[in-house]
Protein backbone atom coordinates (compact mmCIF):
# COMPACT_ATOMS: atom_id res chain seq x y z
CA MET A 1 0.01 -0.08 0.03
CA ALA A 2 1.39 3.44 -0.88
CA SER A 3 1.94 5.83 1.99
CA ARG A 4 0.13 9.12 1.78
CA ALA A 5 1.02 12.35 3.45
CA ALA A 6 -1.36 13.26 6.19
CA HIS A 7 -1.94 16.58 7.98
CA ILE A 8 -0.10 16.53 11.28
CA PRO A 9 -1.12 19.31 13.71
CA GLY A 10 1.75 21.67 14.44
CA VAL A 11 3.70 20.59 11.39
CA THR A 12 3.90 23.27 8.65
CA MET A 13 5.08 23.33 5.13
CA ALA A 14 8.38 25.17 4.43
CA GLY A 15 7.84 28.12 2.17
CA ASN A 16 5.36 31.09 1.62
CA PHE A 17 2.70 32.00 -0.88
CA ILE A 18 3.52 35.29 -2.42
CA ARG A 19 1.54 37.83 -4.36
CA VAL A 20 3.60 39.06 -7.45
CA ARG A 21 2.71 41.75 -9.73
CA CYS A 22 3.58 41.19 -13.46
CA GLU A 23 6.07 43.84 -14.88
CA ASP A 24 4.35 43.85 -18.21
CA CYS A 25 0.63 43.85 -17.66
CA GLU A 26 0.25 44.76 -13.82
CA ASN A 27 -1.66 41.55 -13.12
CA GLU A 28 -1.23 40.28 -9.59
CA GLN A 29 -0.88 36.54 -9.18
CA VAL A 30 -0.23 34.29 -6.15
CA LEU A 31 2.55 31.79 -6.46
CA PHE A 32 4.59 29.49 -4.27
CA GLY A 33 7.97 31.01 -3.12
CA LYS A 34 9.73 27.67 -3.80
CA ALA A 35 8.25 27.11 -7.22
CA ALA A 36 9.59 23.94 -8.78
CA GLY A 37 8.75 24.90 -12.27
CA THR A 38 8.40 28.05 -14.31
CA VAL A 39 5.45 30.22 -13.43
CA ASP A 40 3.96 32.42 -16.29
CA CYS A 41 1.49 35.22 -15.91
CA ALA A 42 -2.10 34.02 -16.52
CA VAL A 43 -2.94 37.12 -18.47
CA CYS A 44 0.03 37.97 -20.75
CA GLY A 45 2.26 34.84 -20.53
CA SER A 46 5.46 36.68 -19.21
CA THR A 47 7.62 34.79 -16.81
CA LEU A 48 6.98 35.62 -13.15
CA ALA A 49 9.23 33.01 -11.46
CA THR A 50 11.82 30.52 -12.38
CA PRO A 51 13.09 27.63 -10.22
CA ASN A 52 16.52 27.96 -8.67
CA GLY A 53 16.94 24.80 -6.41
CA GLY A 54 15.30 26.49 -3.48
CA GLU A 55 13.63 29.83 -3.47
CA ALA A 56 12.37 30.78 -6.83
CA ASP A 57 13.78 33.72 -8.83
CA LEU A 58 10.96 36.23 -9.00
CA HIS A 59 10.60 38.53 -12.16
CA GLY A 60 7.95 40.84 -10.94
CA GLU A 61 7.22 43.17 -7.96
CA VAL A 62 6.42 41.23 -4.55
CA VAL A 63 3.29 42.89 -3.40
CA ASP A 64 2.48 40.71 -0.35
CA VAL A 65 3.24 37.61 1.55
CA VAL A 66 -0.04 35.98 1.33
CA GLU A 67 0.40 33.18 3.88
CA ALA A 68 3.56 32.90 5.95
CA ARG A 69 4.07 29.28 7.17
């Protein structure tokens, strides 16, 4: 039987969700600060974040940390 991750009270996920403003179209989008893949703007398609082996490289203005964990 495959093991499945369960929610354990008091244990939190490493990383934050960040609201980033696109430099090209001013759209604000929420993304994970440790993105494992390239994140593109949902409106214009420009790159908002690229993976970097840990914290993602952000290519827009950080507006807010939506959820600090």
